[in-house]
């Protein structure tokens, strides 16, 4: 099997075009999800449903932020490791990123649940 190190040899403009288009598309799809969710909830439940989705949206954004925090860190680590041709230790770093992304999601859920029951009970 032939290995390719195109991240170190390809032009930066071409790499940006190749990797930024899927990233931008995913962000647009995420925002459209929220808009469509508001439309369906507003039509089905009414203004109280829209209020509920409006309250939960910032918590969703915090979750997205934490996943991007760990995901971008893992991507940077992977890029540096590939540039140095040190690919044997990459698996541990990427695995840690996935683990901590999951754990941060669990912490966000626990904090939201505990804070929500104390404030609104």
PDB file of N, CA and C in Angstrom:
ATOM      1  N   UNK A   1       0.838  -1.170   0.000  1.00  0.00           N
ATOM      2  CA  UNK A   1       0.000   0.000   0.000  1.00  0.00           C
ATOM      3  C   UNK A   1       0.889   1.242   0.000  1.00  0.00           C
ATOM      4  N   UNK A   2       0.593   2.146  -0.882  1.00  0.00           N
ATOM      5  CA  UNK A   2       1.386   3.359  -1.014  1.00  0.00           C
ATOM      6  C   UNK A   2       0.835   4.449  -0.094  1.00  0.00           C
ATOM      7  N   UNK A   3       1.718   5.057   0.691  1.00  0.00           N
ATOM      8  CA  UNK A   3       1.287   6.141   1.568  1.00  0.00           C
ATOM      9  C   UNK A   3       1.528   7.473   0.881  1.00  0.00           C
ATOM     10  N   UNK A   4       0.622   8.397   1.101  1.00  0.00           N
ATOM     11  CA  UNK A   4       0.723   9.709   0.480  1.00  0.00           C
ATOM     12  C   UNK A   4       0.764  10.766   1.570  1.00  0.00           C
ATOM     13  N   UNK A   5       1.692  11.684   1.436  1.00  0.00           N
ATOM     14  CA  UNK A   5       1.804  12.790   2.371  1.00  0.00           C
ATOM     15  C   UNK A   5       1.445  14.086   1.644  1.00  0.00           C
ATOM     16  N   UNK A   6       0.225  14.121   1.101  1.00  0.00           N
ATOM     17  CA  UNK A   6      -0.174  15.274   0.303  1.00  0.00           C
ATOM     18  C   UNK A   6      -0.346  16.527   1.142  1.00  0.00           C
ATOM     19  N   UNK A   7      -0.523  16.390   2.474  1.00  0.00           N
ATOM     20  CA  UNK A   7      -0.636  17.579   3.312  1.00  0.00           C
ATOM     21  C   UNK A   7       0.678  18.354   3.369  1.00  0.00           C
ATOM     22  N   UNK A   8       1.783  17.678   3.147  1.00  0.00           N
ATOM     23  CA  UNK A   8       3.077  18.352   3.151  1.00  0.00           C
ATOM     24  C   UNK A   8       3.548  18.784   1.793  1.00  0.00           C
ATOM     25  N   UNK A   9       2.918  18.287   0.735  1.00  0.00           N
ATOM     26  CA  UNK A   9       3.393  18.603  -0.610  1.00  0.00           C
ATOM     27  C   UNK A   9       2.404  19.420  -1.439  1.00  0.00           C
ATOM     28  N   UNK A  10       1.127  19.377  -1.106  1.00  0.00           N
ATOM     29  CA  UNK A  10       0.099  20.088  -1.881  1.00  0.00           C
ATOM     30  C   UNK A  10       0.136  21.579  -1.582  1.00  0.00           C
ATOM     31  N   UNK A  11      -0.310  22.393  -2.537  1.00  0.00           N
ATOM     32  CA  UNK A  11      -0.386  23.838  -2.335  1.00  0.00           C
ATOM     33  C   UNK A  11      -1.421  24.166  -1.261  1.00  0.00           C
ATOM     34  N   UNK A  12      -1.155  25.205  -0.481  1.00  0.00           N
ATOM     35  CA  UNK A  12      -2.021  25.562   0.643  1.00  0.00           C
ATOM     36  C   UNK A  12      -3.398  25.990   0.154  1.00  0.00           C
ATOM     37  N   UNK A  13      -3.465  26.733  -0.932  1.00  0.00           N
ATOM     38  CA  UNK A  13      -4.759  27.156  -1.462  1.00  0.00           C
ATOM     39  C   UNK A  13      -5.640  25.982  -1.839  1.00  0.00           C
ATOM     40  N   UNK A  14      -5.054  24.969  -2.441  1.00  0.00           N
ATOM     41  CA  UNK A  14      -5.816  23.778  -2.818  1.00  0.00           C
ATOM     42  C   UNK A  14      -6.267  22.992  -1.589  1.00  0.00           C
ATOM     43  N   UNK A  15      -5.397  22.919  -0.573  1.00  0.00           N
ATOM     44  CA  UNK A  15      -5.783  22.232   0.666  1.00  0.00           C
ATOM     45  C   UNK A  15      -6.901  22.974   1.381  1.00  0.00           C
ATOM     46  N   UNK A  16      -6.823  24.317   1.394  1.00  0.00           N
ATOM     47  CA  UNK A  16      -7.892  25.090   2.020  1.00  0.00           C
ATOM     48  C   UNK A  16      -9.219  24.863   1.311  1.00  0.00           C
ATOM     49  N   UNK A  17      -9.191  24.878  -0.002  1.00  0.00           N
ATOM     50  CA  UNK A  17     -10.429  24.650  -0.754  1.00  0.00           C
ATOM     51  C   UNK A  17     -10.973  23.253  -0.497  1.00  0.00           C
ATOM     52  N   UNK A  18     -10.075  22.285  -0.382  1.00  0.00           N
ATOM     53  CA  UNK A  18     -10.510  20.904  -0.188  1.00  0.00           C
ATOM     54  C   UNK A  18     -11.117  20.685   1.195  1.00  0.00           C
ATOM     55  N   UNK A  19     -10.580  21.339   2.217  1.00  0.00           N
ATOM     56  CA  UNK A  19     -11.022  21.080   3.583  1.00  0.00           C
ATOM     57  C   UNK A  19     -12.002  22.108   4.129  1.00  0.00           C
ATOM     58  N   UNK A  20     -12.027  23.325   3.594  1.00  0.00           N
ATOM     59  CA  UNK A  20     -12.929  24.326   4.165  1.00  0.00           C
ATOM     60  C   UNK A  20     -14.348  24.181   3.627  1.00  0.00           C
ATOM     61  N   UNK A  21     -14.519  23.677   2.424  1.00  0.00           N
ATOM     62  CA  UNK A  21     -15.867  23.537   1.865  1.00  0.00           C
ATOM     63  C   UNK A  21     -16.711  22.564   2.690  1.00  0.00           C
ATOM     64  N   UNK A  22     -16.232  21.378   3.054  1.00  0.00           N
ATOM     65  CA  UNK A  22     -17.048  20.513   3.923  1.00  0.00           C
ATOM     66  C   UNK A  22     -17.311  21.121   5.301  1.00  0.00           C
ATOM     67  N   UNK A  23     -16.350  21.865   5.826  1.00  0.00           N
ATOM     68  CA  UNK A  23     -16.537  22.495   7.133  1.00  0.00           C
ATOM     69  C   UNK A  23     -17.630  23.558   7.064  1.00  0.00           C
ATOM     70  N   UNK A  24     -17.586  24.397   6.059  1.00  0.00           N
ATOM     71  CA  UNK A  24     -18.603  25.432   5.901  1.00  0.00           C
ATOM     72  C   UNK A  24     -19.972  24.805   5.652  1.00  0.00           C
ATOM     73  N   UNK A  25     -20.009  23.762   4.852  1.00  0.00           N
ATOM     74  CA  UNK A  25     -21.281  23.088   4.578  1.00  0.00           C
ATOM     75  C   UNK A  25     -21.871  22.501   5.852  1.00  0.00           C
ATOM     76  N   UNK A  26     -21.045  21.920   6.707  1.00  0.00           N
ATOM     77  CA  UNK A  26     -21.570  21.344   7.951  1.00  0.00           C
ATOM     78  C   UNK A  26     -22.096  22.427   8.882  1.00  0.00           C
ATOM     79  N   UNK A  27     -21.445  23.587   8.927  1.00  0.00           N
ATOM     80  CA  UNK A  27     -21.931  24.678   9.761  1.00  0.00           C
ATOM     81  C   UNK A  27     -23.260  25.220   9.244  1.00  0.00           C
ATOM     82  N   UNK A  28     -23.388  25.332   7.939  1.00  0.00           N
ATOM     83  CA  UNK A  28     -24.649  25.803   7.353  1.00  0.00           C
ATOM     84  C   UNK A  28     -25.769  24.807   7.633  1.00  0.00           C
ATOM     85  N   UNK A  29     -25.478  23.524   7.506  1.00  0.00           N
ATOM     86  CA  UNK A  29     -26.487  22.502   7.777  1.00  0.00           C
ATOM     87  C   UNK A  29     -26.904  22.545   9.244  1.00  0.00           C
ATOM     88  N   UNK A  30     -25.951  22.774  10.150  1.00  0.00           N
ATOM     89  CA  UNK A  30     -26.286  22.870  11.571  1.00  0.00           C
ATOM     90  C   UNK A  30     -27.198  24.050  11.853  1.00  0.00           C
ATOM     91  N   UNK A  31     -26.928  25.174  11.229  1.00  0.00           N
ATOM     92  CA  UNK A  31     -27.792  26.345  11.433  1.00  0.00           C
ATOM     93  C   UNK A  31     -29.160  26.126  10.811  1.00  0.00           C
ATOM     94  N   UNK A  32     -29.207  25.510   9.642  1.00  0.00           N
ATOM     95  CA  UNK A  32     -30.499  25.208   9.014  1.00  0.00           C
ATOM     96  C   UNK A  32     -31.305  24.237   9.871  1.00  0.00           C
ATOM     97  N   UNK A  33     -30.623  23.337  10.555  1.00  0.00           N
ATOM     98  CA  UNK A  33     -31.311  22.417  11.454  1.00  0.00           C
ATOM     99  C   UNK A  33     -32.073  23.191  12.524  1.00  0.00           C
ATOM    100  N   UNK A  34     -31.433  24.204  13.096  1.00  0.00           N
ATOM    101  CA  UNK A  34     -32.086  24.992  14.132  1.00  0.00           C
ATOM    102  C   UNK A  34     -33.279  25.757  13.568  1.00  0.00           C
ATOM    103  N   UNK A  35     -33.147  26.321  12.390  1.00  0.00           N
ATOM    104  CA  UNK A  35     -34.246  27.075  11.779  1.00  0.00           C
ATOM    105  C   UNK A  35     -35.427  26.158  11.491  1.00  0.00           C
ATOM    106  N   UNK A  36     -35.166  25.004  10.883  1.00  0.00           N
ATOM    107  CA  UNK A  36     -36.238  24.063  10.571  1.00  0.00           C
ATOM    108  C   UNK A  36     -36.867  23.523  11.850  1.00  0.00           C
ATOM    109  N   UNK A  37     -36.050  23.305  12.867  1.00  0.00           N
ATOM    110  CA  UNK A  37     -36.574  22.853  14.157  1.00  0.00           C
ATOM    111  C   UNK A  37     -37.538  23.882  14.735  1.00  0.00           C
ATOM    112  N   UNK A  38     -37.186  25.137  14.663  1.00  0.00           N
ATOM    113  CA  UNK A  38     -38.062  26.200  15.153  1.00  0.00           C
ATOM    114  C   UNK A  38     -39.376  26.236  14.378  1.00  0.00           C
ATOM    115  N   UNK A  39     -39.311  26.041  13.074  1.00  0.00           N
ATOM    116  CA  UNK A  39     -40.534  26.058  12.254  1.00  0.00           C
ATOM    117  C   UNK A  39     -41.455  24.911  12.648  1.00  0.00           C
ATOM    118  N   UNK A  40     -40.913  23.697  12.731  1.00  0.00           N
ATOM    119  CA  UNK A  40     -41.745  22.545  13.052  1.00  0.00           C
ATOM    120  C   UNK A  40     -42.292  22.614  14.479  1.00  0.00           C
ATOM    121  N   UNK A  41     -41.455  23.012  15.419  1.00  0.00           N
ATOM    122  CA  UNK A  41     -41.915  23.108  16.799  1.00  0.00           C
ATOM    123  C   UNK A  41     -42.952  24.214  16.932  1.00  0.00           C
ATOM    124  N   UNK A  42     -42.733  25.339  16.263  1.00  0.00           N
ATOM    125  CA  UNK A  42     -43.693  26.439  16.317  1.00  0.00           C
ATOM    126  C   UNK A  42     -45.039  26.060  15.740  1.00  0.00           C
ATOM    127  N   UNK A  43     -45.044  25.318  14.642  1.00  0.00           N
ATOM    128  CA  UNK A  43     -46.299  24.879  14.045  1.00  0.00           C
ATOM    129  C   UNK A  43     -46.968  23.777  14.849  1.00  0.00           C
ATOM    130  N   UNK A  44     -46.178  22.898  15.444  1.00  0.00           N
ATOM    131  CA  UNK A  44     -46.752  21.768  16.154  1.00  0.00           C
ATOM    132  C   UNK A  44     -47.139  22.071  17.582  1.00  0.00           C
ATOM    133  N   UNK A  45     -46.316  22.796  18.301  1.00  0.00           N
ATOM    134  CA  UNK A  45     -46.551  23.034  19.723  1.00  0.00           C
ATOM    135  C   UNK A  45     -46.981  24.472  19.988  1.00  0.00           C
ATOM    136  N   UNK A  46     -46.348  25.397  19.335  1.00  0.00           N
ATOM    137  CA  UNK A  46     -46.693  26.800  19.532  1.00  0.00           C
ATOM    138  C   UNK A  46     -45.555  27.586  20.141  1.00  0.00           C
ATOM    139  N   UNK A  47     -45.896  28.729  20.705  1.00  0.00           N
ATOM    140  CA  UNK A  47     -44.862  29.638  21.195  1.00  0.00           C
ATOM    141  C   UNK A  47     -44.107  29.082  22.394  1.00  0.00           C
ATOM    142  N   UNK A  48     -44.736  28.231  23.205  1.00  0.00           N
ATOM    143  CA  UNK A  48     -44.015  27.634  24.325  1.00  0.00           C
ATOM    144  C   UNK A  48     -42.942  26.660  23.843  1.00  0.00           C
ATOM    145  N   UNK A  49     -43.230  25.958  22.775  1.00  0.00           N
ATOM    146  CA  UNK A  49     -42.229  25.070  22.186  1.00  0.00           C
ATOM    147  C   UNK A  49     -41.064  25.852  21.613  1.00  0.00           C
ATOM    148  N   UNK A  50     -41.361  26.975  20.965  1.00  0.00           N
ATOM    149  CA  UNK A  50     -40.289  27.824  20.453  1.00  0.00           C
ATOM    150  C   UNK A  50     -39.452  28.392  21.592  1.00  0.00           C
ATOM    151  N   UNK A  51     -40.085  28.731  22.697  1.00  0.00           N
ATOM    152  CA  UNK A  51     -39.345  29.230  23.854  1.00  0.00           C
ATOM    153  C   UNK A  51     -38.417  28.150  24.403  1.00  0.00           C
ATOM    154  N   UNK A  52     -38.912  26.915  24.450  1.00  0.00           N
ATOM    155  CA  UNK A  52     -38.093  25.819  24.963  1.00  0.00           C
ATOM    156  C   UNK A  52     -36.881  25.564  24.065  1.00  0.00           C
ATOM    157  N   UNK A  53     -37.090  25.555  22.755  1.00  0.00           N
ATOM    158  CA  UNK A  53     -35.942  25.347  21.860  1.00  0.00           C
ATOM    159  C   UNK A  53     -35.007  26.546  21.872  1.00  0.00           C
ATOM    160  N   UNK A  54     -35.539  27.735  22.132  1.00  0.00           N
ATOM    161  CA  UNK A  54     -34.686  28.913  22.257  1.00  0.00           C
ATOM    162  C   UNK A  54     -33.831  28.872  23.503  1.00  0.00           C
ATOM    163  N   UNK A  55     -34.356  28.281  24.572  1.00  0.00           N
ATOM    164  CA  UNK A  55     -33.587  28.160  25.811  1.00  0.00           C
ATOM    165  C   UNK A  55     -32.497  27.102  25.672  1.00  0.00           C
ATOM    166  N   UNK A  56     -32.784  26.033  24.972  1.00  0.00           N
ATOM    167  CA  UNK A  56     -31.826  24.940  24.866  1.00  0.00           C
ATOM    168  C   UNK A  56     -30.741  25.213  23.823  1.00  0.00           C
ATOM    169  N   UNK A  57     -30.982  26.140  22.908  1.00  0.00           N
ATOM    170  CA  UNK A  57     -30.013  26.391  21.840  1.00  0.00           C
ATOM    171  C   UNK A  57     -28.646  26.824  22.359  1.00  0.00           C
ATOM    172  N   UNK A  58     -28.534  27.718  23.360  1.00  0.00           N
ATOM    173  CA  UNK A  58     -27.195  28.058  23.864  1.00  0.00           C
ATOM    174  C   UNK A  58     -26.443  26.859  24.439  1.00  0.00           C
ATOM    175  N   UNK A  59     -27.158  25.939  25.046  1.00  0.00           N
ATOM    176  CA  UNK A  59     -26.497  24.737  25.566  1.00  0.00           C
ATOM    177  C   UNK A  59     -25.973  23.897  24.402  1.00  0.00           C
ATOM    178  N   UNK A  60     -26.736  23.851  23.327  1.00  0.00           N
ATOM    179  CA  UNK A  60     -26.283  23.145  22.128  1.00  0.00           C
ATOM    180  C   UNK A  60     -25.034  23.798  21.555  1.00  0.00           C
ATOM    181  N   UNK A  61     -24.999  25.110  21.539  1.00  0.00           N
ATOM    182  CA  UNK A  61     -23.832  25.822  21.014  1.00  0.00           C
ATOM    183  C   UNK A  61     -22.600  25.563  21.883  1.00  0.00           C
ATOM    184  N   UNK A  62     -22.778  25.481  23.193  1.00  0.00           N
ATOM    185  CA  UNK A  62     -21.658  25.149  24.082  1.00  0.00           C
ATOM    186  C   UNK A  62     -21.147  23.739  23.756  1.00  0.00           C
ATOM    187  N   UNK A  63     -22.056  22.813  23.507  1.00  0.00           N
ATOM    188  CA  UNK A  63     -21.645  21.463  23.116  1.00  0.00           C
ATOM    189  C   UNK A  63     -20.880  21.457  21.807  1.00  0.00           C
ATOM    190  N   UNK A  64     -21.365  22.207  20.839  1.00  0.00           N
ATOM    191  CA  UNK A  64     -20.638  22.331  19.560  1.00  0.00           C
ATOM    192  C   UNK A  64     -19.256  22.921  19.794  1.00  0.00           C
ATOM    193  N   UNK A  65     -19.197  23.936  20.656  1.00  0.00           N
ATOM    194  CA  UNK A  65     -17.911  24.578  20.939  1.00  0.00           C
ATOM    195  C   UNK A  65     -16.912  23.616  21.555  1.00  0.00           C
ATOM    196  N   UNK A  66     -17.368  22.806  22.490  1.00  0.00           N
ATOM    197  CA  UNK A  66     -16.459  21.847  23.116  1.00  0.00           C
ATOM    198  C   UNK A  66     -16.002  20.782  22.124  1.00  0.00           C
ATOM    199  N   UNK A  67     -16.907  20.327  21.274  1.00  0.00           N
ATOM    200  CA  UNK A  67     -16.498  19.327  20.281  1.00  0.00           C
ATOM    201  C   UNK A  67     -15.521  19.928  19.273  1.00  0.00           C
ATOM    202  N   UNK A  68     -15.731  21.180  18.894  1.00  0.00           N
ATOM    203  CA  UNK A  68     -14.778  21.847  18.001  1.00  0.00           C
ATOM    204  C   UNK A  68     -13.442  22.094  18.703  1.00  0.00           C
ATOM    205  N   UNK A  69     -13.485  22.401  19.986  1.00  0.00           N
ATOM    206  CA  UNK A  69     -12.265  22.611  20.764  1.00  0.00           C
ATOM    207  C   UNK A  69     -11.372  21.372  20.706  1.00  0.00           C
ATOM    208  N   UNK A  70     -11.940  20.227  21.018  1.00  0.00           N
ATOM    209  CA  UNK A  70     -11.142  19.006  21.015  1.00  0.00           C
ATOM    210  C   UNK A  70     -10.865  18.517  19.596  1.00  0.00           C
ATOM    211  N   UNK A  71     -11.824  18.688  18.695  1.00  0.00           N
ATOM    212  CA  UNK A  71     -11.621  18.245  17.315  1.00  0.00           C
ATOM    213  C   UNK A  71     -10.557  19.048  16.594  1.00  0.00           C
ATOM    214  N   UNK A  72     -10.560  20.366  16.765  1.00  0.00           N
ATOM    215  CA  UNK A  72      -9.534  21.190  16.128  1.00  0.00           C
ATOM    216  C   UNK A  72      -8.160  20.933  16.742  1.00  0.00           C
ATOM    217  N   UNK A  73      -8.127  20.694  18.041  1.00  0.00           N
ATOM    218  CA  UNK A  73      -6.852  20.348  18.671  1.00  0.00           C
ATOM    219  C   UNK A  73      -6.297  19.036  18.138  1.00  0.00           C
ATOM    220  N   UNK A  74      -7.177  18.064  17.961  1.00  0.00           N
ATOM    221  CA  UNK A  74      -6.738  16.780  17.412  1.00  0.00           C
ATOM    222  C   UNK A  74      -6.286  16.935  15.971  1.00  0.00           C
ATOM    223  N   UNK A  75      -6.979  17.768  15.202  1.00  0.00           N
ATOM    224  CA  UNK A  75      -6.589  17.989  13.805  1.00  0.00           C
ATOM    225  C   UNK A  75      -5.221  18.669  13.723  1.00  0.00           C
ATOM    226  N   UNK A  76      -4.984  19.640  14.596  1.00  0.00           N
ATOM    227  CA  UNK A  76      -3.683  20.308  14.614  1.00  0.00           C
ATOM    228  C   UNK A  76      -2.582  19.332  15.021  1.00  0.00           C
ATOM    229  N   UNK A  77      -2.862  18.517  16.025  1.00  0.00           N
ATOM    230  CA  UNK A  77      -1.881  17.522  16.465  1.00  0.00           C
ATOM    231  C   UNK A  77      -1.582  16.528  15.339  1.00  0.00           C
ATOM    232  N   UNK A  78      -2.621  16.092  14.642  1.00  0.00           N
ATOM    233  CA  UNK A  78      -2.436  15.167  13.529  1.00  0.00           C
ATOM    234  C   UNK A  78      -1.602  15.808  12.423  1.00  0.00           C
ATOM    235  N   UNK A  79      -1.873  17.061  12.111  1.00  0.00           N
ATOM    236  CA  UNK A  79      -1.127  17.746  11.057  1.00  0.00           C
ATOM    237  C   UNK A  79       0.346  17.887  11.416  1.00  0.00           C
ATOM    238  N   UNK A  80       0.621  18.268  12.656  1.00  0.00           N
ATOM    239  CA  UNK A  80       2.015  18.414  13.081  1.00  0.00           C
ATOM    240  C   UNK A  80       2.717  17.065  13.068  1.00  0.00           C
ATOM    241  N   UNK A  81       2.044  16.037  13.539  1.00  0.00           N
ATOM    242  CA  UNK A  81       2.653  14.704  13.567  1.00  0.00           C
ATOM    243  C   UNK A  81       2.923  14.193  12.154  1.00  0.00           C
ATOM    244  N   UNK A  82       2.007  14.439  11.221  1.00  0.00           N
ATOM    245  CA  UNK A  82       2.245  14.016   9.843  1.00  0.00           C
ATOM    246  C   UNK A  82       3.377  14.808   9.208  1.00  0.00           C
ATOM    247  N   UNK A  83       3.466  16.087   9.547  1.00  0.00           N
ATOM    248  CA  UNK A  83       4.560  16.900   9.022  1.00  0.00           C
ATOM    249  C   UNK A  83       5.910  16.428   9.507  1.00  0.00           C
ATOM    250  N   UNK A  84       5.965  15.914  10.712  1.00  0.00           N
ATOM    251  CA  UNK A  84       7.212  15.393  11.285  1.00  0.00           C
ATOM    252  C   UNK A  84       7.433  13.915  10.981  1.00  0.00           C
ATOM    253  N   UNK A  85       6.518  13.289  10.284  1.00  0.00           N
ATOM    254  CA  UNK A  85       6.536  11.847  10.003  1.00  0.00           C
ATOM    255  C   UNK A  85       6.581  11.023  11.290  1.00  0.00           C
ATOM    256  N   UNK A  86       5.857  11.472  12.304  1.00  0.00           N
ATOM    257  CA  UNK A  86       5.750  10.758  13.580  1.00  0.00           C
ATOM    258  C   UNK A  86       4.328  10.229  13.727  1.00  0.00           C
ATOM    259  N   UNK A  87       3.947   9.333  12.861  1.00  0.00           N
ATOM    260  CA  UNK A  87       2.556   8.868  12.841  1.00  0.00           C
ATOM    261  C   UNK A  87       2.291   7.711  13.795  1.00  0.00           C
ATOM    262  N   UNK A  88       3.302   7.202  14.469  1.00  0.00           N
ATOM    263  CA  UNK A  88       3.085   6.069  15.364  1.00  0.00           C
ATOM    264  C   UNK A  88       2.377   6.474  16.663  1.00  0.00           C
ATOM    265  N   UNK A  89       2.529   7.715  17.103  1.00  0.00           N
ATOM    266  CA  UNK A  89       1.924   8.156  18.356  1.00  0.00           C
ATOM    267  C   UNK A  89       0.616   8.910  18.160  1.00  0.00           C
ATOM    268  N   UNK A  90       0.187   9.056  16.938  1.00  0.00           N
ATOM    269  CA  UNK A  90      -1.012   9.849  16.648  1.00  0.00           C
ATOM    270  C   UNK A  90      -2.266   9.191  17.208  1.00  0.00           C
ATOM    271  N   UNK A  91      -2.342   7.893  17.197  1.00  0.00           N
ATOM    272  CA  UNK A  91      -3.544   7.182  17.626  1.00  0.00           C
ATOM    273  C   UNK A  91      -3.904   7.508  19.074  1.00  0.00           C
ATOM    274  N   UNK A  92      -2.899   7.621  19.913  1.00  0.00           N
ATOM    275  CA  UNK A  92      -3.156   7.922  21.317  1.00  0.00           C
ATOM    276  C   UNK A  92      -3.714   9.343  21.480  1.00  0.00           C
ATOM    277  N   UNK A  93      -3.150  10.296  20.768  1.00  0.00           N
ATOM    278  CA  UNK A  93      -3.622  11.672  20.863  1.00  0.00           C
ATOM    279  C   UNK A  93      -5.033  11.843  20.324  1.00  0.00           C
ATOM    280  N   UNK A  94      -5.328  11.212  19.206  1.00  0.00           N
ATOM    281  CA  UNK A  94      -6.677  11.301  18.637  1.00  0.00           C
ATOM    282  C   UNK A  94      -7.674  10.586  19.543  1.00  0.00           C
ATOM    283  N   UNK A  95      -7.287   9.448  20.094  1.00  0.00           N
ATOM    284  CA  UNK A  95      -8.160   8.735  21.029  1.00  0.00           C
ATOM    285  C   UNK A  95      -8.462   9.565  22.270  1.00  0.00           C
ATOM    286  N   UNK A  96      -7.448  10.254  22.788  1.00  0.00           N
ATOM    287  CA  UNK A  96      -7.673  11.137  23.940  1.00  0.00           C
ATOM    288  C   UNK A  96      -8.626  12.267  23.577  1.00  0.00           C
ATOM    289  N   UNK A  97      -8.501  12.798  22.382  1.00  0.00           N
ATOM    290  CA  UNK A  97      -9.400  13.871  21.949  1.00  0.00           C
ATOM    291  C   UNK A  97     -10.841  13.392  21.895  1.00  0.00           C
ATOM    292  N   UNK A  98     -11.057  12.203  21.358  1.00  0.00           N
ATOM    293  CA  UNK A  98     -12.411  11.646  21.288  1.00  0.00           C
ATOM    294  C   UNK A  98     -12.954  11.389  22.690  1.00  0.00           C
ATOM    295  N   UNK A  99     -12.120  10.845  23.551  1.00  0.00           N
ATOM    296  CA  UNK A  99     -12.546  10.569  24.924  1.00  0.00           C
ATOM    297  C   UNK A  99     -12.926  11.851  25.662  1.00  0.00           C
ATOM    298  N   UNK A 100     -12.081  12.869  25.584  1.00  0.00           N
ATOM    299  CA  UNK A 100     -12.368  14.102  26.302  1.00  0.00           C
ATOM    300  C   UNK A 100     -13.528  14.870  25.686  1.00  0.00           C
ATOM    301  N   UNK A 101     -13.741  14.726  24.398  1.00  0.00           N
ATOM    302  CA  UNK A 101     -14.922  15.329  23.777  1.00  0.00           C
ATOM    303  C   UNK A 101     -16.185  14.684  24.338  1.00  0.00           C
ATOM    304  N   UNK A 102     -16.182  13.369  24.446  1.00  0.00           N
ATOM    305  CA  UNK A 102     -17.320  12.656  25.032  1.00  0.00           C
ATOM    306  C   UNK A 102     -17.522  13.053  26.491  1.00  0.00           C
ATOM    307  N   UNK A 103     -16.430  13.082  27.265  1.00  0.00           N
ATOM    308  CA  UNK A 103     -16.542  13.426  28.682  1.00  0.00           C
ATOM    309  C   UNK A 103     -17.010  14.866  28.893  1.00  0.00           C
ATOM    310  N   UNK A 104     -16.579  15.771  28.015  1.00  0.00           N
ATOM    311  CA  UNK A 104     -17.054  17.151  28.147  1.00  0.00           C
ATOM    312  C   UNK A 104     -18.545  17.230  27.851  1.00  0.00           C
ATOM    313  N   UNK A 105     -19.030  16.416  26.932  1.00  0.00           N
ATOM    314  CA  UNK A 105     -20.468  16.356  26.676  1.00  0.00           C
ATOM    315  C   UNK A 105     -21.235  15.857  27.886  1.00  0.00           C
ATOM    316  N   UNK A 106     -20.694  14.859  28.553  1.00  0.00           N
ATOM    317  CA  UNK A 106     -21.339  14.339  29.763  1.00  0.00           C
ATOM    318  C   UNK A 106     -21.351  15.407  30.855  1.00  0.00           C
ATOM    319  N   UNK A 107     -20.257  16.139  31.007  1.00  0.00           N
ATOM    320  CA  UNK A 107     -20.192  17.205  32.014  1.00  0.00           C
ATOM    321  C   UNK A 107     -21.201  18.310  31.689  1.00  0.00           C
ATOM    322  N   UNK A 108     -21.312  18.689  30.427  1.00  0.00           N
ATOM    323  CA  UNK A 108     -22.288  19.713  30.027  1.00  0.00           C
ATOM    324  C   UNK A 108     -23.703  19.244  30.340  1.00  0.00           C
ATOM    325  N   UNK A 109     -23.993  17.989  30.063  1.00  0.00           N
ATOM    326  CA  UNK A 109     -25.321  17.449  30.365  1.00  0.00           C
ATOM    327  C   UNK A 109     -25.584  17.480  31.871  1.00  0.00           C
ATOM    328  N   UNK A 110     -24.614  17.051  32.669  1.00  0.00           N
ATOM    329  CA  UNK A 110     -24.796  17.051  34.122  1.00  0.00           C
ATOM    330  C   UNK A 110     -24.976  18.461  34.680  1.00  0.00           C
ATOM    331  N   UNK A 111     -24.161  19.389  34.226  1.00  0.00           N
ATOM    332  CA  UNK A 111     -24.289  20.772  34.697  1.00  0.00           C
ATOM    333  C   UNK A 111     -25.631  21.355  34.276  1.00  0.00           C
ATOM    334  N   UNK A 112     -26.033  21.116  33.050  1.00  0.00           N
ATOM    335  CA  UNK A 112     -27.318  21.641  32.570  1.00  0.00           C
ATOM    336  C   UNK A 112     -28.475  21.039  33.347  1.00  0.00           C
ATOM    337  N   UNK A 113     -28.392  19.752  33.612  1.00  0.00           N
ATOM    338  CA  UNK A 113     -29.476  19.099  34.345  1.00  0.00           C
ATOM    339  C   UNK A 113     -29.569  19.614  35.782  1.00  0.00           C
ATOM    340  N   UNK A 114     -28.418  19.687  36.457  1.00  0.00           N
ATOM    341  CA  UNK A 114     -28.429  20.144  37.851  1.00  0.00           C
ATOM    342  C   UNK A 114     -28.787  21.615  37.965  1.00  0.00           C
ATOM    343  N   UNK A 115     -28.269  22.436  37.084  1.00  0.00           N
ATOM    344  CA  UNK A 115     -28.569  23.869  37.113  1.00  0.00           C
ATOM    345  C   UNK A 115     -30.022  24.133  36.727  1.00  0.00           C
ATOM    346  N   UNK A 116     -30.526  23.368  35.781  1.00  0.00           N
ATOM    347  CA  UNK A 116     -31.894  23.562  35.333  1.00  0.00           C
ATOM    348  C   UNK A 116     -32.907  23.178  36.393  1.00  0.00           C
ATOM    349  N   UNK A 117     -32.660  22.125  37.153  1.00  0.00           N
ATOM    350  CA  UNK A 117     -33.612  21.735  38.188  1.00  0.00           C
ATOM    351  C   UNK A 117     -33.565  22.674  39.382  1.00  0.00           C
ATOM    352  N   UNK A 118     -32.396  23.255  39.665  1.00  0.00           N
ATOM    353  CA  UNK A 118     -32.297  24.189  40.785  1.00  0.00           C
ATOM    354  C   UNK A 118     -32.934  25.533  40.453  1.00  0.00           C
ATOM    355  N   UNK A 119     -32.795  25.977  39.230  1.00  0.00           N
ATOM    356  CA  UNK A 119     -33.291  27.319  38.869  1.00  0.00           C
ATOM    357  C   UNK A 119     -34.794  27.337  38.601  1.00  0.00           C
ATOM    358  N   UNK A 120     -35.326  26.255  38.081  1.00  0.00           N
ATOM    359  CA  UNK A 120     -36.707  26.296  37.613  1.00  0.00           C
ATOM    360  C   UNK A 120     -37.664  25.417  38.423  1.00  0.00           C
ATOM    361  N   UNK A 121     -37.184  24.794  39.483  1.00  0.00           N
ATOM    362  CA  UNK A 121     -38.056  23.923  40.263  1.00  0.00           C
ATOM    363  C   UNK A 121     -38.908  24.694  41.246  1.00  0.00           C
TER     364      UNK A 121
END
